[in-house]
Amino acid sequence: MLTLYHCSSARSFRPLWALEEIGIPYDLKMLPFPPRFLKREYLELNPLGTIPFLVDGDTPGFNVVRPIP
C-alpha cells in the first residue's frame, strides 16, 4: 500500500489529488508545516524533511516533487 506524507495547503496536494483520481488505496499521514522543524522525527524517514513524500510498501519513499535549488 502507498503512504503519502502530506501537509495542508502544500504542494503535496497534487499527488493526493492524483491518488484520489486513480482510486487506489493509500494511507495519508498529515504533518504540520514545515515538518523538518515541527515534526523532527520525520527526518528519520526523510532526511530532507520535505513533502510530498511517498512510500510504496516496504520501499522507503522518494520525493514526488523535487525542490528547486
N, C-alpha and C. Protein backbone atom coordinates (compact mmCIF):
# COMPACT_ATOMS: atom_id res chain seq x y z
N MET A 1 0.85 -1.18 0.00
CA MET A 1 0.00 0.00 0.00
C MET A 1 0.89 1.24 0.00
N LEU A 2 0.43 2.27 -0.65
CA LEU A 2 1.14 3.54 -0.69
C LEU A 2 0.84 4.35 0.57
N THR A 3 1.83 5.08 1.03
CA THR A 3 1.66 6.03 2.13
C THR A 3 2.14 7.39 1.64
N LEU A 4 1.29 8.39 1.75
CA LEU A 4 1.64 9.75 1.34
C LEU A 4 1.74 10.62 2.57
N TYR A 5 2.89 11.27 2.73
CA TYR A 5 3.10 12.25 3.80
C TYR A 5 2.74 13.61 3.22
N HIS A 6 1.82 14.30 3.89
CA HIS A 6 1.15 15.47 3.32
C HIS A 6 1.05 16.58 4.36
N CYS A 7 1.15 17.82 3.91
CA CYS A 7 0.87 18.99 4.73
C CYS A 7 -0.28 19.75 4.09
N SER A 8 -1.17 20.24 4.88
CA SER A 8 -2.30 21.01 4.38
C SER A 8 -1.81 22.25 3.64
N SER A 9 -2.46 22.58 2.55
CA SER A 9 -2.15 23.76 1.74
C SER A 9 -0.71 23.76 1.23
N ALA A 10 -0.19 22.59 0.88
CA ALA A 10 1.17 22.48 0.35
C ALA A 10 1.14 21.77 -0.99
N ARG A 11 2.28 21.72 -1.65
CA ARG A 11 2.32 21.09 -2.97
C ARG A 11 2.04 19.59 -2.91
N SER A 12 2.01 19.01 -1.72
CA SER A 12 1.66 17.60 -1.61
C SER A 12 0.19 17.35 -1.91
N PHE A 13 -0.56 18.42 -2.12
CA PHE A 13 -1.96 18.25 -2.53
C PHE A 13 -2.04 17.61 -3.91
N ARG A 14 -1.06 17.86 -4.76
CA ARG A 14 -1.10 17.31 -6.13
C ARG A 14 -1.06 15.79 -6.16
N PRO A 15 -0.08 15.15 -5.49
CA PRO A 15 -0.12 13.68 -5.50
C PRO A 15 -1.32 13.12 -4.76
N LEU A 16 -1.81 13.84 -3.75
CA LEU A 16 -3.02 13.41 -3.05
C LEU A 16 -4.20 13.39 -4.01
N TRP A 17 -4.32 14.43 -4.79
CA TRP A 17 -5.38 14.53 -5.79
C TRP A 17 -5.23 13.39 -6.81
N ALA A 18 -4.00 13.12 -7.26
CA ALA A 18 -3.78 12.05 -8.23
C ALA A 18 -4.18 10.70 -7.65
N LEU A 19 -3.83 10.44 -6.40
CA LEU A 19 -4.21 9.17 -5.77
C LEU A 19 -5.73 9.04 -5.70
N GLU A 20 -6.40 10.12 -5.39
CA GLU A 20 -7.87 10.09 -5.35
C GLU A 20 -8.46 9.81 -6.73
N GLU A 21 -7.91 10.45 -7.76
CA GLU A 21 -8.42 10.26 -9.12
C GLU A 21 -8.18 8.84 -9.61
N ILE A 22 -7.01 8.27 -9.29
CA ILE A 22 -6.69 6.91 -9.71
C ILE A 22 -7.56 5.90 -8.98
N GLY A 23 -7.87 6.21 -7.72
CA GLY A 23 -8.76 5.33 -6.95
C GLY A 23 -8.07 4.15 -6.30
N ILE A 24 -6.76 4.22 -6.14
CA ILE A 24 -6.06 3.12 -5.46
C ILE A 24 -6.01 3.41 -3.96
N PRO A 25 -5.95 2.36 -3.14
CA PRO A 25 -5.89 2.58 -1.70
C PRO A 25 -4.55 3.19 -1.29
N TYR A 26 -4.60 4.06 -0.30
CA TYR A 26 -3.40 4.69 0.22
C TYR A 26 -3.65 5.10 1.67
N ASP A 27 -2.55 5.30 2.38
CA ASP A 27 -2.61 5.78 3.75
C ASP A 27 -2.08 7.21 3.75
N LEU A 28 -2.81 8.12 4.36
CA LEU A 28 -2.43 9.53 4.39
C LEU A 28 -1.92 9.90 5.77
N LYS A 29 -0.69 10.44 5.80
CA LYS A 29 -0.09 10.90 7.05
C LYS A 29 -0.01 12.42 7.00
N MET A 30 -0.76 13.07 7.87
CA MET A 30 -0.77 14.53 7.91
C MET A 30 0.38 15.03 8.80
N LEU A 31 1.07 16.05 8.34
CA LEU A 31 2.18 16.63 9.07
C LEU A 31 1.98 18.14 9.20
N PRO A 32 2.52 18.74 10.25
CA PRO A 32 2.48 20.20 10.35
C PRO A 32 3.50 20.79 9.37
N PHE A 33 3.27 22.02 8.95
CA PHE A 33 4.20 22.65 8.01
C PHE A 33 5.04 23.69 8.72
N PRO A 34 6.33 23.69 8.51
CA PRO A 34 7.18 22.75 7.78
C PRO A 34 7.57 21.57 8.68
N PRO A 35 7.46 20.35 8.17
CA PRO A 35 7.72 19.18 9.01
C PRO A 35 9.15 19.08 9.50
N ARG A 36 10.12 19.61 8.76
CA ARG A 36 11.53 19.48 9.20
C ARG A 36 11.79 20.23 10.49
N PHE A 37 10.93 21.21 10.82
CA PHE A 37 11.09 21.96 12.07
C PHE A 37 10.07 21.55 13.13
N LEU A 38 8.86 21.23 12.70
CA LEU A 38 7.78 20.97 13.65
C LEU A 38 7.55 19.49 13.95
N LYS A 39 8.14 18.61 13.19
CA LYS A 39 7.97 17.16 13.39
C LYS A 39 9.34 16.50 13.17
N ARG A 40 10.26 16.75 14.10
CA ARG A 40 11.66 16.35 13.93
C ARG A 40 11.84 14.86 13.65
N GLU A 41 10.98 14.01 14.19
CA GLU A 41 11.12 12.58 13.96
C GLU A 41 10.89 12.20 12.49
N TYR A 42 10.24 13.07 11.74
CA TYR A 42 10.03 12.85 10.30
C TYR A 42 11.37 12.80 9.56
N LEU A 43 12.39 13.47 10.08
CA LEU A 43 13.71 13.47 9.45
C LEU A 43 14.35 12.09 9.42
N GLU A 44 13.93 11.20 10.32
CA GLU A 44 14.45 9.83 10.30
C GLU A 44 13.96 9.09 9.05
N LEU A 45 12.77 9.40 8.61
CA LEU A 45 12.19 8.79 7.42
C LEU A 45 12.67 9.50 6.16
N ASN A 46 12.65 10.81 6.18
CA ASN A 46 13.04 11.64 5.03
C ASN A 46 14.04 12.69 5.52
N PRO A 47 15.34 12.43 5.35
CA PRO A 47 16.35 13.35 5.86
C PRO A 47 16.25 14.78 5.34
N LEU A 48 15.65 14.97 4.17
CA LEU A 48 15.47 16.32 3.65
C LEU A 48 14.35 17.05 4.38
N GLY A 49 13.42 16.30 4.96
CA GLY A 49 12.31 16.90 5.69
C GLY A 49 11.29 17.57 4.79
N THR A 50 11.30 17.23 3.51
CA THR A 50 10.39 17.87 2.55
C THR A 50 9.13 17.03 2.34
N ILE A 51 8.14 17.67 1.83
CA ILE A 51 6.92 16.99 1.41
C ILE A 51 6.63 17.43 -0.01
N PRO A 52 5.95 16.66 -0.83
CA PRO A 52 5.37 15.37 -0.51
C PRO A 52 6.44 14.28 -0.44
N PHE A 53 6.10 13.22 0.28
CA PHE A 53 6.97 12.05 0.40
C PHE A 53 6.08 10.83 0.28
N LEU A 54 6.45 9.93 -0.62
CA LEU A 54 5.62 8.78 -0.91
C LEU A 54 6.39 7.51 -0.60
N VAL A 55 5.77 6.59 0.13
CA VAL A 55 6.36 5.30 0.45
C VAL A 55 5.48 4.24 -0.19
N ASP A 56 6.13 3.32 -0.92
CA ASP A 56 5.41 2.24 -1.58
C ASP A 56 5.74 0.94 -0.87
N GLY A 57 4.84 0.46 -0.03
CA GLY A 57 5.05 -0.78 0.71
C GLY A 57 6.26 -0.69 1.62
N ASP A 58 7.21 -1.59 1.42
CA ASP A 58 8.43 -1.60 2.23
C ASP A 58 9.55 -0.80 1.60
N THR A 59 9.29 -0.20 0.45
CA THR A 59 10.32 0.60 -0.22
C THR A 59 10.26 2.01 0.31
N PRO A 60 11.30 2.44 1.05
CA PRO A 60 11.28 3.82 1.55
C PRO A 60 11.14 4.79 0.40
N GLY A 61 10.49 5.87 0.71
CA GLY A 61 9.99 6.78 -0.29
C GLY A 61 10.96 7.58 -1.11
N PHE A 62 10.35 8.42 -1.84
CA PHE A 62 11.03 9.34 -2.71
C PHE A 62 10.21 10.61 -2.73
N ASN A 63 10.87 11.71 -3.04
CA ASN A 63 10.14 12.96 -3.17
C ASN A 63 9.35 12.92 -4.47
N VAL A 64 8.08 13.19 -4.37
CA VAL A 64 7.25 13.20 -5.57
C VAL A 64 7.56 14.42 -6.39
N VAL A 65 7.78 15.53 -5.74
CA VAL A 65 8.14 16.78 -6.41
C VAL A 65 9.46 17.23 -5.79
N ARG A 66 10.50 17.34 -6.58
CA ARG A 66 11.81 17.75 -6.08
C ARG A 66 11.84 19.26 -5.87
N PRO A 67 12.43 19.72 -4.77
CA PRO A 67 12.57 21.15 -4.58
C PRO A 67 13.54 21.75 -5.60
N ILE A 68 13.27 22.96 -6.02
CA ILE A 68 14.16 23.65 -6.95
C ILE A 68 15.21 24.38 -6.14
N PRO A 69 16.51 24.13 -6.43
CA PRO A 69 17.57 24.78 -5.64
C PRO A 69 17.59 26.28 -5.80
